[in-house]
Amino acid sequence: MSNELITALEEVLDLERAALVEGDLNRLKTMTPEKEKLIGAINELQVLNSADLIALQKKLERNQSLLNSAAEGIRSVANRMSELRKVRQEFSTYDADGQRSGYPMRGKAKLEKRA
C-alpha cells in the first residue's frame, strides 16, 4: 500500500514539474487536490527514513522551487504592467534636487497632422 501511494505521488510530482516547466497554471490547479490527498495518506502511514520518502522529499523541494520561481515571475509581470499603466496616466520628471514631479495625462492624446 505505501509503495503504491509513493509511486502515485511521484507520478503527480513529475506531472506537476512538467506543468511548471511548460507554464501550464491551469493544469497545476487540477493536480493540487490529488497531491494533497496522497501526501496526507503517506503522512498517516508514519513511515520514517525510507529511501523512497527521501526521493519524494527531493521532488517536492524541486517543485516548490519551481513554484516559487513561477510566482515571482507572475509578480514581476504584474508589477511591470502596473508601471506601464502609470506611464500612460502620468508624465513624471525629476528636478535638479532629485525630487519627482508627476503631471497627469489628459484623456487620449491626439496627434495633430498639419500640411
PDB file of N, CA and C in Angstrom:
ATOM      1  N   MET A   1       0.821  -1.197   0.000  1.00  0.00           N
ATOM      2  CA  MET A   1       0.000   0.000   0.000  1.00  0.00           C
ATOM      3  C   MET A   1       0.863   1.257   0.000  1.00  0.00           C
ATOM      4  N   SER A   2       1.886   1.296   0.861  1.00  0.00           N
ATOM      5  CA  SER A   2       2.715   2.501   0.929  1.00  0.00           C
ATOM      6  C   SER A   2       3.481   2.709  -0.379  1.00  0.00           C
ATOM      7  N   ASN A   3       3.941   1.611  -1.002  1.00  0.00           N
ATOM      8  CA  ASN A   3       4.656   1.757  -2.272  1.00  0.00           C
ATOM      9  C   ASN A   3       3.741   2.303  -3.361  1.00  0.00           C
ATOM     10  N   GLU A   4       2.471   1.897  -3.346  1.00  0.00           N
ATOM     11  CA  GLU A   4       1.515   2.399  -4.342  1.00  0.00           C
ATOM     12  C   GLU A   4       1.283   3.892  -4.145  1.00  0.00           C
ATOM     13  N   LEU A   5       1.170   4.318  -2.896  1.00  0.00           N
ATOM     14  CA  LEU A   5       0.983   5.743  -2.607  1.00  0.00           C
ATOM     15  C   LEU A   5       2.195   6.562  -3.035  1.00  0.00           C
ATOM     16  N   ILE A   6       3.364   6.042  -2.734  1.00  0.00           N
ATOM     17  CA  ILE A   6       4.599   6.740  -3.089  1.00  0.00           C
ATOM     18  C   ILE A   6       4.731   6.846  -4.600  1.00  0.00           C
ATOM     19  N   THR A   7       4.456   5.747  -5.307  1.00  0.00           N
ATOM     20  CA  THR A   7       4.527   5.754  -6.771  1.00  0.00           C
ATOM     21  C   THR A   7       3.524   6.747  -7.355  1.00  0.00           C
ATOM     22  N   ALA A   8       2.306   6.761  -6.811  1.00  0.00           N
ATOM     23  CA  ALA A   8       1.278   7.682  -7.299  1.00  0.00           C
ATOM     24  C   ALA A   8       1.699   9.133  -7.071  1.00  0.00           C
ATOM     25  N   LEU A   9       2.263   9.426  -5.896  1.00  0.00           N
ATOM     26  CA  LEU A   9       2.704  10.787  -5.608  1.00  0.00           C
ATOM     27  C   LEU A   9       3.875  11.177  -6.505  1.00  0.00           C
ATOM     28  N   GLU A  10       4.795  10.249  -6.751  1.00  0.00           N
ATOM     29  CA  GLU A  10       5.907  10.540  -7.652  1.00  0.00           C
ATOM     30  C   GLU A  10       5.393  10.901  -9.044  1.00  0.00           C
ATOM     31  N   GLU A  11       4.386  10.187  -9.507  1.00  0.00           N
ATOM     32  CA  GLU A  11       3.811  10.474 -10.827  1.00  0.00           C
ATOM     33  C   GLU A  11       3.175  11.865 -10.848  1.00  0.00           C
ATOM     34  N   VAL A  12       2.434  12.194  -9.794  1.00  0.00           N
ATOM     35  CA  VAL A  12       1.811  13.516  -9.713  1.00  0.00           C
ATOM     36  C   VAL A  12       2.880  14.600  -9.675  1.00  0.00           C
ATOM     37  N   LEU A  13       3.956  14.373  -8.920  1.00  0.00           N
ATOM     38  CA  LEU A  13       5.035  15.362  -8.830  1.00  0.00           C
ATOM     39  C   LEU A  13       5.743  15.541 -10.172  1.00  0.00           C
ATOM     40  N   ASP A  14       5.916  14.460 -10.911  1.00  0.00           N
ATOM     41  CA  ASP A  14       6.532  14.563 -12.232  1.00  0.00           C
ATOM     42  C   ASP A  14       5.624  15.333 -13.196  1.00  0.00           C
ATOM     43  N   LEU A  15       4.318  15.079 -13.121  1.00  0.00           N
ATOM     44  CA  LEU A  15       3.361  15.821 -13.948  1.00  0.00           C
ATOM     45  C   LEU A  15       3.327  17.299 -13.548  1.00  0.00           C
ATOM     46  N   GLU A  16       3.416  17.545 -12.240  1.00  0.00           N
ATOM     47  CA  GLU A  16       3.433  18.914 -11.742  1.00  0.00           C
ATOM     48  C   GLU A  16       4.661  19.655 -12.260  1.00  0.00           C
ATOM     49  N   ARG A  17       5.801  18.990 -12.228  1.00  0.00           N
ATOM     50  CA  ARG A  17       7.034  19.604 -12.730  1.00  0.00           C
ATOM     51  C   ARG A  17       6.898  19.938 -14.212  1.00  0.00           C
ATOM     52  N   ALA A  18       6.356  19.009 -14.979  1.00  0.00           N
ATOM     53  CA  ALA A  18       6.168  19.257 -16.411  1.00  0.00           C
ATOM     54  C   ALA A  18       5.256  20.459 -16.634  1.00  0.00           C
ATOM     55  N   ALA A  19       4.182  20.558 -15.858  1.00  0.00           N
ATOM     56  CA  ALA A  19       3.256  21.691 -15.987  1.00  0.00           C
ATOM     57  C   ALA A  19       3.955  22.997 -15.616  1.00  0.00           C
ATOM     58  N   LEU A  20       4.794  22.966 -14.596  1.00  0.00           N
ATOM     59  CA  LEU A  20       5.523  24.159 -14.179  1.00  0.00           C
ATOM     60  C   LEU A  20       6.505  24.607 -15.261  1.00  0.00           C
ATOM     61  N   VAL A  21       7.229  23.654 -15.811  1.00  0.00           N
ATOM     62  CA  VAL A  21       8.212  23.976 -16.843  1.00  0.00           C
ATOM     63  C   VAL A  21       7.523  24.535 -18.088  1.00  0.00           C
ATOM     64  N   GLU A  22       6.326  24.001 -18.388  1.00  0.00           N
ATOM     65  CA  GLU A  22       5.572  24.463 -19.555  1.00  0.00           C
ATOM     66  C   GLU A  22       4.755  25.717 -19.264  1.00  0.00           C
ATOM     67  N   GLY A  23       4.663  26.099 -17.990  1.00  0.00           N
ATOM     68  CA  GLY A  23       3.894  27.283 -17.625  1.00  0.00           C
ATOM     69  C   GLY A  23       2.390  27.053 -17.672  1.00  0.00           C
ATOM     70  N   ASP A  24       1.956  25.814 -17.540  1.00  0.00           N
ATOM     71  CA  ASP A  24       0.530  25.472 -17.610  1.00  0.00           C
ATOM     72  C   ASP A  24      -0.091  25.556 -16.219  1.00  0.00           C
ATOM     73  N   LEU A  25      -0.485  26.771 -15.820  1.00  0.00           N
ATOM     74  CA  LEU A  25      -1.013  27.002 -14.478  1.00  0.00           C
ATOM     75  C   LEU A  25      -2.375  26.346 -14.271  1.00  0.00           C
ATOM     76  N   ASN A  26      -3.172  26.230 -15.325  1.00  0.00           N
ATOM     77  CA  ASN A  26      -4.481  25.571 -15.191  1.00  0.00           C
ATOM     78  C   ASN A  26      -4.327  24.098 -14.842  1.00  0.00           C
ATOM     79  N   ARG A  27      -3.357  23.441 -15.461  1.00  0.00           N
ATOM     80  CA  ARG A  27      -3.130  22.023 -15.153  1.00  0.00           C
ATOM     81  C   ARG A  27      -2.638  21.867 -13.720  1.00  0.00           C
ATOM     82  N   LEU A  28      -1.838  22.819 -13.242  1.00  0.00           N
ATOM     83  CA  LEU A  28      -1.358  22.772 -11.849  1.00  0.00           C
ATOM     84  C   LEU A  28      -2.526  22.782 -10.877  1.00  0.00           C
ATOM     85  N   LYS A  29      -3.491  23.647 -11.163  1.00  0.00           N
ATOM     86  CA  LYS A  29      -4.637  23.797 -10.271  1.00  0.00           C
ATOM     87  C   LYS A  29      -5.408  22.484 -10.139  1.00  0.00           C
ATOM     88  N   THR A  30      -5.501  21.731 -11.218  1.00  0.00           N
ATOM     89  CA  THR A  30      -6.261  20.473 -11.168  1.00  0.00           C
ATOM     90  C   THR A  30      -5.499  19.372 -10.429  1.00  0.00           C
ATOM     91  N   MET A  31      -4.188  19.484 -10.340  1.00  0.00           N
ATOM     92  CA  MET A  31      -3.370  18.453  -9.674  1.00  0.00           C
ATOM     93  C   MET A  31      -3.310  18.613  -8.165  1.00  0.00           C
ATOM     94  N   THR A  32      -3.520  19.814  -7.683  1.00  0.00           N
ATOM     95  CA  THR A  32      -3.322  20.106  -6.259  1.00  0.00           C
ATOM     96  C   THR A  32      -4.136  19.211  -5.329  1.00  0.00           C
ATOM     97  N   PRO A  33      -5.442  19.000  -5.562  1.00  0.00           N
ATOM     98  CA  PRO A  33      -6.202  18.144  -4.635  1.00  0.00           C
ATOM     99  C   PRO A  33      -5.660  16.716  -4.548  1.00  0.00           C
ATOM    100  N   GLU A  34      -5.280  16.149  -5.689  1.00  0.00           N
ATOM    101  CA  GLU A  34      -4.729  14.790  -5.691  1.00  0.00           C
ATOM    102  C   GLU A  34      -3.406  14.735  -4.949  1.00  0.00           C
ATOM    103  N   LYS A  35      -2.567  15.722  -5.168  1.00  0.00           N
ATOM    104  CA  LYS A  35      -1.272  15.778  -4.481  1.00  0.00           C
ATOM    105  C   LYS A  35      -1.472  15.873  -2.968  1.00  0.00           C
ATOM    106  N   GLU A  36      -2.374  16.743  -2.530  1.00  0.00           N
ATOM    107  CA  GLU A  36      -2.626  16.905  -1.102  1.00  0.00           C
ATOM    108  C   GLU A  36      -3.188  15.623  -0.491  1.00  0.00           C
ATOM    109  N   LYS A  37      -4.074  14.950  -1.225  1.00  0.00           N
ATOM    110  CA  LYS A  37      -4.661  13.701  -0.733  1.00  0.00           C
ATOM    111  C   LYS A  37      -3.581  12.628  -0.559  1.00  0.00           C
ATOM    112  N   LEU A  38      -2.696  12.498  -1.540  1.00  0.00           N
ATOM    113  CA  LEU A  38      -1.627  11.498  -1.462  1.00  0.00           C
ATOM    114  C   LEU A  38      -0.635  11.821  -0.342  1.00  0.00           C
ATOM    115  N   ILE A  39      -0.292  13.086  -0.195  1.00  0.00           N
ATOM    116  CA  ILE A  39       0.631  13.464   0.889  1.00  0.00           C
ATOM    117  C   ILE A  39      -0.002  13.161   2.242  1.00  0.00           C
ATOM    118  N   GLY A  40      -1.289  13.471   2.387  1.00  0.00           N
ATOM    119  CA  GLY A  40      -1.989  13.164   3.634  1.00  0.00           C
ATOM    120  C   GLY A  40      -2.001  11.675   3.932  1.00  0.00           C
ATOM    121  N   ALA A  41      -2.253  10.864   2.917  1.00  0.00           N
ATOM    122  CA  ALA A  41      -2.279   9.409   3.104  1.00  0.00           C
ATOM    123  C   ALA A  41      -0.902   8.880   3.487  1.00  0.00           C
ATOM    124  N   ILE A  42       0.146   9.408   2.867  1.00  0.00           N
ATOM    125  CA  ILE A  42       1.508   8.975   3.200  1.00  0.00           C
ATOM    126  C   ILE A  42       1.867   9.410   4.613  1.00  0.00           C
ATOM    127  N   ASN A  43       1.464  10.603   5.018  1.00  0.00           N
ATOM    128  CA  ASN A  43       1.738  11.076   6.382  1.00  0.00           C
ATOM    129  C   ASN A  43       1.074  10.193   7.424  1.00  0.00           C
ATOM    130  N   GLU A  44      -0.083   9.675   7.102  1.00  0.00           N
ATOM    131  CA  GLU A  44      -0.789   8.798   8.043  1.00  0.00           C
ATOM    132  C   GLU A  44      -0.086   7.469   8.233  1.00  0.00           C
ATOM    133  N   LEU A  45       0.721   7.050   7.266  1.00  0.00           N
ATOM    134  CA  LEU A  45       1.440   5.778   7.383  1.00  0.00           C
ATOM    135  C   LEU A  45       2.534   5.847   8.443  1.00  0.00           C
ATOM    136  N   GLN A  46       3.045   7.025   8.703  1.00  0.00           N
ATOM    137  CA  GLN A  46       4.096   7.256   9.695  1.00  0.00           C
ATOM    138  C   GLN A  46       5.325   6.399   9.443  1.00  0.00           C
ATOM    139  N   VAL A  47       5.730   6.324   8.199  1.00  0.00           N
ATOM    140  CA  VAL A  47       6.947   5.612   7.826  1.00  0.00           C
ATOM    141  C   VAL A  47       8.084   6.619   7.852  1.00  0.00           C
ATOM    142  N   LEU A  48       9.175   6.289   8.536  1.00  0.00           N
ATOM    143  CA  LEU A  48      10.294   7.204   8.653  1.00  0.00           C
ATOM    144  C   LEU A  48      11.541   6.639   7.992  1.00  0.00           C
ATOM    145  N   ASN A  49      12.413   7.537   7.519  1.00  0.00           N
ATOM    146  CA  ASN A  49      13.728   7.209   6.975  1.00  0.00           C
ATOM    147  C   ASN A  49      13.708   6.216   5.822  1.00  0.00           C
ATOM    148  N   SER A  50      12.727   6.259   5.006  1.00  0.00           N
ATOM    149  CA  SER A  50      12.663   5.409   3.839  1.00  0.00           C
ATOM    150  C   SER A  50      13.354   6.112   2.678  1.00  0.00           C
ATOM    151  N   ALA A  51      14.103   5.360   1.900  1.00  0.00           N
ATOM    152  CA  ALA A  51      14.778   5.936   0.729  1.00  0.00           C
ATOM    153  C   ALA A  51      13.742   6.507  -0.240  1.00  0.00           C
ATOM    154  N   ASP A  52      12.595   5.843  -0.331  1.00  0.00           N
ATOM    155  CA  ASP A  52      11.535   6.334  -1.211  1.00  0.00           C
ATOM    156  C   ASP A  52      11.025   7.691  -0.742  1.00  0.00           C
ATOM    157  N   LEU A  53      10.881   7.865   0.556  1.00  0.00           N
ATOM    158  CA  LEU A  53      10.405   9.131   1.099  1.00  0.00           C
ATOM    159  C   LEU A  53      11.432  10.251   0.906  1.00  0.00           C
ATOM    160  N   ILE A  54      12.701   9.894   0.976  1.00  0.00           N
ATOM    161  CA  ILE A  54      13.755  10.880   0.747  1.00  0.00           C
ATOM    162  C   ILE A  54      13.710  11.353  -0.705  1.00  0.00           C
ATOM    163  N   ALA A  55      13.484  10.423  -1.632  1.00  0.00           N
ATOM    164  CA  ALA A  55      13.362  10.792  -3.049  1.00  0.00           C
ATOM    165  C   ALA A  55      12.143  11.684  -3.269  1.00  0.00           C
ATOM    166  N   LEU A  56      11.040  11.353  -2.588  1.00  0.00           N
ATOM    167  CA  LEU A  56       9.844  12.196  -2.676  1.00  0.00           C
ATOM    168  C   LEU A  56      10.113  13.592  -2.155  1.00  0.00           C
ATOM    169  N   GLN A  57      10.823  13.673  -1.045  1.00  0.00           N
ATOM    170  CA  GLN A  57      11.156  14.969  -0.455  1.00  0.00           C
ATOM    171  C   GLN A  57      11.948  15.817  -1.439  1.00  0.00           C
ATOM    172  N   LYS A  58      12.893  15.196  -2.136  1.00  0.00           N
ATOM    173  CA  LYS A  58      13.699  15.933  -3.117  1.00  0.00           C
ATOM    174  C   LYS A  58      12.828  16.452  -4.257  1.00  0.00           C
ATOM    175  N   LYS A  59      11.877  15.631  -4.718  1.00  0.00           N
ATOM    176  CA  LYS A  59      10.971  16.071  -5.780  1.00  0.00           C
ATOM    177  C   LYS A  59      10.067  17.202  -5.289  1.00  0.00           C
ATOM    178  N   LEU A  60       9.590  17.078  -4.062  1.00  0.00           N
ATOM    179  CA  LEU A  60       8.752  18.136  -3.500  1.00  0.00           C
ATOM    180  C   LEU A  60       9.523  19.457  -3.409  1.00  0.00           C
ATOM    181  N   GLU A  61      10.768  19.388  -2.958  1.00  0.00           N
ATOM    182  CA  GLU A  61      11.591  20.586  -2.850  1.00  0.00           C
ATOM    183  C   GLU A  61      11.867  21.190  -4.220  1.00  0.00           C
ATOM    184  N   ARG A  62      12.148  20.339  -5.202  1.00  0.00           N
ATOM    185  CA  ARG A  62      12.392  20.806  -6.570  1.00  0.00           C
ATOM    186  C   ARG A  62      11.163  21.541  -7.103  1.00  0.00           C
ATOM    187  N   ASN A  63       9.992  20.915  -6.940  1.00  0.00           N
ATOM    188  CA  ASN A  63       8.765  21.523  -7.437  1.00  0.00           C
ATOM    189  C   ASN A  63       8.429  22.805  -6.686  1.00  0.00           C
ATOM    190  N   GLN A  64       8.700  22.834  -5.386  1.00  0.00           N
ATOM    191  CA  GLN A  64       8.440  24.051  -4.610  1.00  0.00           C
ATOM    192  C   GLN A  64       9.308  25.189  -5.117  1.00  0.00           C
ATOM    193  N   SER A  65      10.541  24.887  -5.451  1.00  0.00           N
ATOM    194  CA  SER A  65      11.433  25.901  -6.000  1.00  0.00           C
ATOM    195  C   SER A  65      10.887  26.429  -7.330  1.00  0.00           C
ATOM    196  N   LEU A  66      10.385  25.517  -8.182  1.00  0.00           N
ATOM    197  CA  LEU A  66       9.791  25.939  -9.450  1.00  0.00           C
ATOM    198  C   LEU A  66       8.524  26.763  -9.222  1.00  0.00           C
ATOM    199  N   LEU A  67       7.715  26.346  -8.245  1.00  0.00           N
ATOM    200  CA  LEU A  67       6.501  27.107  -7.919  1.00  0.00           C
ATOM    201  C   LEU A  67       6.853  28.514  -7.450  1.00  0.00           C
ATOM    202  N   ASN A  68       7.874  28.613  -6.621  1.00  0.00           N
ATOM    203  CA  ASN A  68       8.307  29.928  -6.134  1.00  0.00           C
ATOM    204  C   ASN A  68       8.781  30.803  -7.290  1.00  0.00           C
ATOM    205  N   SER A  69       9.526  30.209  -8.222  1.00  0.00           N
ATOM    206  CA  SER A  69      10.002  30.960  -9.380  1.00  0.00           C
ATOM    207  C   SER A  69       8.837  31.419 -10.253  1.00  0.00           C
ATOM    208  N   ALA A  70       7.860  30.539 -10.440  1.00  0.00           N
ATOM    209  CA  ALA A  70       6.682  30.901 -11.239  1.00  0.00           C
ATOM    210  C   ALA A  70       5.923  32.049 -10.581  1.00  0.00           C
ATOM    211  N   ALA A  71       5.752  31.973  -9.268  1.00  0.00           N
ATOM    212  CA  ALA A  71       5.050  33.032  -8.546  1.00  0.00           C
ATOM    213  C   ALA A  71       5.811  34.354  -8.651  1.00  0.00           C
ATOM    214  N   GLU A  72       7.119  34.298  -8.554  1.00  0.00           N
ATOM    215  CA  GLU A  72       7.942  35.510  -8.674  1.00  0.00           C
ATOM    216  C   GLU A  72       7.816  36.094 -10.074  1.00  0.00           C
ATOM    217  N   GLY A  73       7.786  35.234 -11.070  1.00  0.00           N
ATOM    218  CA  GLY A  73       7.608  35.701 -12.448  1.00  0.00           C
ATOM    219  C   GLY A  73       6.265  36.378 -12.643  1.00  0.00           C
ATOM    220  N   ILE A  74       5.233  35.808 -12.067  1.00  0.00           N
ATOM    221  CA  ILE A  74       3.890  36.398 -12.174  1.00  0.00           C
ATOM    222  C   ILE A  74       3.859  37.757 -11.476  1.00  0.00           C
ATOM    223  N   ARG A  75       4.473  37.846 -10.297  1.00  0.00           N
ATOM    224  CA  ARG A  75       4.534  39.125  -9.588  1.00  0.00           C
ATOM    225  C   ARG A  75       5.296  40.163 -10.411  1.00  0.00           C
ATOM    226  N   SER A  76       6.376  39.737 -11.044  1.00  0.00           N
ATOM    227  CA  SER A  76       7.179  40.641 -11.852  1.00  0.00           C
ATOM    228  C   SER A  76       6.377  41.188 -13.031  1.00  0.00           C
ATOM    229  N   VAL A  77       5.625  40.310 -13.689  1.00  0.00           N
ATOM    230  CA  VAL A  77       4.787  40.748 -14.808  1.00  0.00           C
ATOM    231  C   VAL A  77       3.708  41.711 -14.323  1.00  0.00           C
ATOM    232  N   ALA A  78       3.088  41.397 -13.200  1.00  0.00           N
ATOM    233  CA  ALA A  78       2.046  42.267 -12.655  1.00  0.00           C
ATOM    234  C   ALA A  78       2.619  43.647 -12.311  1.00  0.00           C
ATOM    235  N   ASN A  79       3.802  43.681 -11.725  1.00  0.00           N
ATOM    236  CA  ASN A  79       4.443  44.957 -11.390  1.00  0.00           C
ATOM    237  C   ASN A  79       4.771  45.752 -12.655  1.00  0.00           C
ATOM    238  N   ARG A  80       5.263  45.067 -13.658  1.00  0.00           N
ATOM    239  CA  ARG A  80       5.612  45.749 -14.920  1.00  0.00           C
ATOM    240  C   ARG A  80       4.358  46.311 -15.590  1.00  0.00           C
ATOM    241  N   MET A  81       3.279  45.542 -15.584  1.00  0.00           N
ATOM    242  CA  MET A  81       2.032  46.023 -16.178  1.00  0.00           C
ATOM    243  C   MET A  81       1.511  47.240 -15.420  1.00  0.00           C
ATOM    244  N   SER A  82       1.661  47.227 -14.103  1.00  0.00           N
ATOM    245  CA  SER A  82       1.252  48.372 -13.284  1.00  0.00           C
ATOM    246  C   SER A  82       2.073  49.602 -13.643  1.00  0.00           C
ATOM    247  N   GLU A  83       3.381  49.421 -13.815  1.00  0.00           N
ATOM    248  CA  GLU A  83       4.247  50.530 -14.204  1.00  0.00           C
ATOM    249  C   GLU A  83       3.838  51.097 -15.563  1.00  0.00           C
ATOM    250  N   LEU A  84       3.517  50.225 -16.505  1.00  0.00           N
ATOM    251  CA  LEU A  84       3.113  50.679 -17.833  1.00  0.00           C
ATOM    252  C   LEU A  84       1.804  51.464 -17.779  1.00  0.00           C
ATOM    253  N   ARG A  85       0.876  51.032 -16.921  1.00  0.00           N
ATOM    254  CA  ARG A  85      -0.375  51.782 -16.758  1.00  0.00           C
ATOM    255  C   ARG A  85      -0.091  53.176 -16.210  1.00  0.00           C
ATOM    256  N   LYS A  86       0.821  53.261 -15.254  1.00  0.00           N
ATOM    257  CA  LYS A  86       1.173  54.555 -14.664  1.00  0.00           C
ATOM    258  C   LYS A  86       1.780  55.481 -15.709  1.00  0.00           C
ATOM    259  N   VAL A  87       2.617  54.936 -16.588  1.00  0.00           N
ATOM    260  CA  VAL A  87       3.249  55.740 -17.625  1.00  0.00           C
ATOM    261  C   VAL A  87       2.189  56.346 -18.520  1.00  0.00           C
ATOM    262  N   ARG A  88       1.137  55.607 -18.820  1.00  0.00           N
ATOM    263  CA  ARG A  88       0.079  56.120 -19.679  1.00  0.00           C
ATOM    264  C   ARG A  88      -0.790  57.156 -18.970  1.00  0.00           C
ATOM    265  N   GLN A  89      -0.809  57.134 -17.640  1.00  0.00           N
ATOM    266  CA  GLN A  89      -1.675  58.027 -16.881  1.00  0.00           C
ATOM    267  C   GLN A  89      -0.957  59.275 -16.383  1.00  0.00           C
ATOM    268  N   GLU A  90       0.375  59.217 -16.296  1.00  0.00           N
ATOM    269  CA  GLU A  90       1.097  60.330 -15.699  1.00  0.00           C
ATOM    270  C   GLU A  90       2.473  60.480 -16.341  1.00  0.00           C
ATOM    271  N   PHE A  91       2.864  61.705 -16.565  1.00  0.00           N
ATOM    272  CA  PHE A  91       4.202  62.023 -17.054  1.00  0.00           C
ATOM    273  C   PHE A  91       5.027  62.452 -15.845  1.00  0.00           C
ATOM    274  N   SER A  92       6.150  61.801 -15.611  1.00  0.00           N
ATOM    275  CA  SER A  92       6.969  62.119 -14.434  1.00  0.00           C
ATOM    276  C   SER A  92       8.325  62.669 -14.858  1.00  0.00           C
ATOM    277  N   THR A  93       8.794  63.633 -14.090  1.00  0.00           N
ATOM    278  CA  THR A  93      10.140  64.178 -14.294  1.00  0.00           C
ATOM    279  C   THR A  93      10.803  64.331 -12.926  1.00  0.00           C
ATOM    280  N   TYR A  94      12.092  64.578 -12.952  1.00  0.00           N
ATOM    281  CA  TYR A  94      12.847  64.809 -11.727  1.00  0.00           C
ATOM    282  C   TYR A  94      13.555  66.150 -11.851  1.00  0.00           C
ATOM    283  N   ASP A  95      13.551  66.912 -10.763  1.00  0.00           N
ATOM    284  CA  ASP A  95      14.226  68.202 -10.800  1.00  0.00           C
ATOM    285  C   ASP A  95      15.695  68.035 -10.427  1.00  0.00           C
ATOM    286  N   ALA A  96      16.422  69.157 -10.350  1.00  0.00           N
ATOM    287  CA  ALA A  96      17.861  69.125 -10.063  1.00  0.00           C
ATOM    288  C   ALA A  96      18.168  68.524  -8.694  1.00  0.00           C
ATOM    289  N   ASP A  97      17.199  68.590  -7.764  1.00  0.00           N
ATOM    290  CA  ASP A  97      17.397  68.030  -6.425  1.00  0.00           C
ATOM    291  C   ASP A  97      17.006  66.556  -6.342  1.00  0.00           C
ATOM    292  N   GLY A  98      16.556  66.010  -7.461  1.00  0.00           N
ATOM    293  CA  GLY A  98      16.160  64.607  -7.469  1.00  0.00           C
ATOM    294  C   GLY A  98      14.735  64.368  -7.005  1.00  0.00           C
ATOM    295  N   GLN A  99      13.966  65.427  -6.875  1.00  0.00           N
ATOM    296  CA  GLN A  99      12.572  65.293  -6.456  1.00  0.00           C
ATOM    297  C   GLN A  99      11.699  64.983  -7.666  1.00  0.00           C
ATOM    298  N   ARG A 100      10.817  64.025  -7.504  1.00  0.00           N
ATOM    299  CA  ARG A 100       9.949  63.601  -8.594  1.00  0.00           C
ATOM    300  C   ARG A 100       8.717  64.489  -8.665  1.00  0.00           C
ATOM    301  N   SER A 101       8.330  64.832  -9.876  1.00  0.00           N
ATOM    302  CA  SER A 101       7.101  65.586 -10.117  1.00  0.00           C
ATOM    303  C   SER A 101       6.280  64.830 -11.150  1.00  0.00           C
ATOM    304  N   GLY A 102       5.007  64.664 -10.865  1.00  0.00           N
ATOM    305  CA  GLY A 102       4.137  63.958 -11.789  1.00  0.00           C
ATOM    306  C   GLY A 102       3.099  64.884 -12.375  1.00  0.00           C
ATOM    307  N   TYR A 103       2.822  64.708 -13.632  1.00  0.00           N
ATOM    308  CA  TYR A 103       1.824  65.516 -14.332  1.00  0.00           C
ATOM    309  C   TYR A 103       0.812  64.574 -14.961  1.00  0.00           C
ATOM    310  N   PRO A 104      -0.454  64.656 -14.530  1.00  0.00           N
ATOM    311  CA  PRO A 104      -1.470  63.756 -15.093  1.00  0.00           C
ATOM    312  C   PRO A 104      -1.630  63.985 -16.590  1.00  0.00           C
ATOM    313  N   MET A 105      -1.844  62.907 -17.296  1.00  0.00           N
ATOM    314  CA  MET A 105      -2.061  62.988 -18.743  1.00  0.00           C
ATOM    315  C   MET A 105      -3.530  63.295 -18.989  1.00  0.00           C
ATOM    316  N   ARG A 106      -3.773  64.128 -19.990  1.00  0.00           N
ATOM    317  CA  ARG A 106      -5.144  64.440 -20.375  1.00  0.00           C
ATOM    318  C   ARG A 106      -5.669  63.323 -21.253  1.00  0.00           C
ATOM    319  N   GLY A 107      -6.870  62.879 -21.006  1.00  0.00           N
ATOM    320  CA  GLY A 107      -7.564  61.917 -21.878  1.00  0.00           C
ATOM    321  C   GLY A 107      -6.647  61.187 -22.830  1.00  0.00           C
ATOM    322  N   LYS A 108      -7.133  60.965 -24.024  1.00  0.00           N
ATOM    323  CA  LYS A 108      -6.324  60.303 -25.037  1.00  0.00           C
ATOM    324  C   LYS A 108      -5.582  61.366 -25.828  1.00  0.00           C
ATOM    325  N   ALA A 109      -4.297  61.203 -25.913  1.00  0.00           N
ATOM    326  CA  ALA A 109      -3.508  62.170 -26.666  1.00  0.00           C
ATOM    327  C   ALA A 109      -3.786  61.985 -28.151  1.00  0.00           C
ATOM    328  N   LYS A 110      -3.943  63.122 -28.844  1.00  0.00           N
ATOM    329  CA  LYS A 110      -4.203  63.087 -30.269  1.00  0.00           C
ATOM    330  C   LYS A 110      -3.025  63.721 -30.984  1.00  0.00           C
ATOM    331  N   LEU A 111      -2.694  63.148 -32.094  1.00  0.00           N
ATOM    332  CA  LEU A 111      -1.622  63.678 -32.901  1.00  0.00           C
ATOM    333  C   LEU A 111      -2.241  64.560 -33.982  1.00  0.00           C
ATOM    334  N   GLU A 112      -1.824  65.792 -34.008  1.00  0.00           N
ATOM    335  CA  GLU A 112      -2.373  66.710 -34.997  1.00  0.00           C
ATOM    336  C   GLU A 112      -1.472  66.704 -36.218  1.00  0.00           C
ATOM    337  N   LYS A 113      -2.092  66.555 -37.346  1.00  0.00           N
ATOM    338  CA  LYS A 113      -1.354  66.500 -38.594  1.00  0.00           C
ATOM    339  C   LYS A 113      -1.548  67.815 -39.338  1.00  0.00           C
ATOM    340  N   ARG A 114      -0.474  68.479 -39.678  1.00  0.00           N
ATOM    341  CA  ARG A 114      -0.561  69.740 -40.409  1.00  0.00           C
ATOM    342  C   ARG A 114       0.119  69.597 -41.757  1.00  0.00           C
ATOM    343  N   ALA A 115      -0.466  70.265 -42.696  1.00  0.00           N
ATOM    344  CA  ALA A 115       0.076  70.185 -44.056  1.00  0.00           C
ATOM    345  C   ALA A 115       1.204  71.159 -44.252  1.00  0.00           C
TER     346      ALA A 115
END
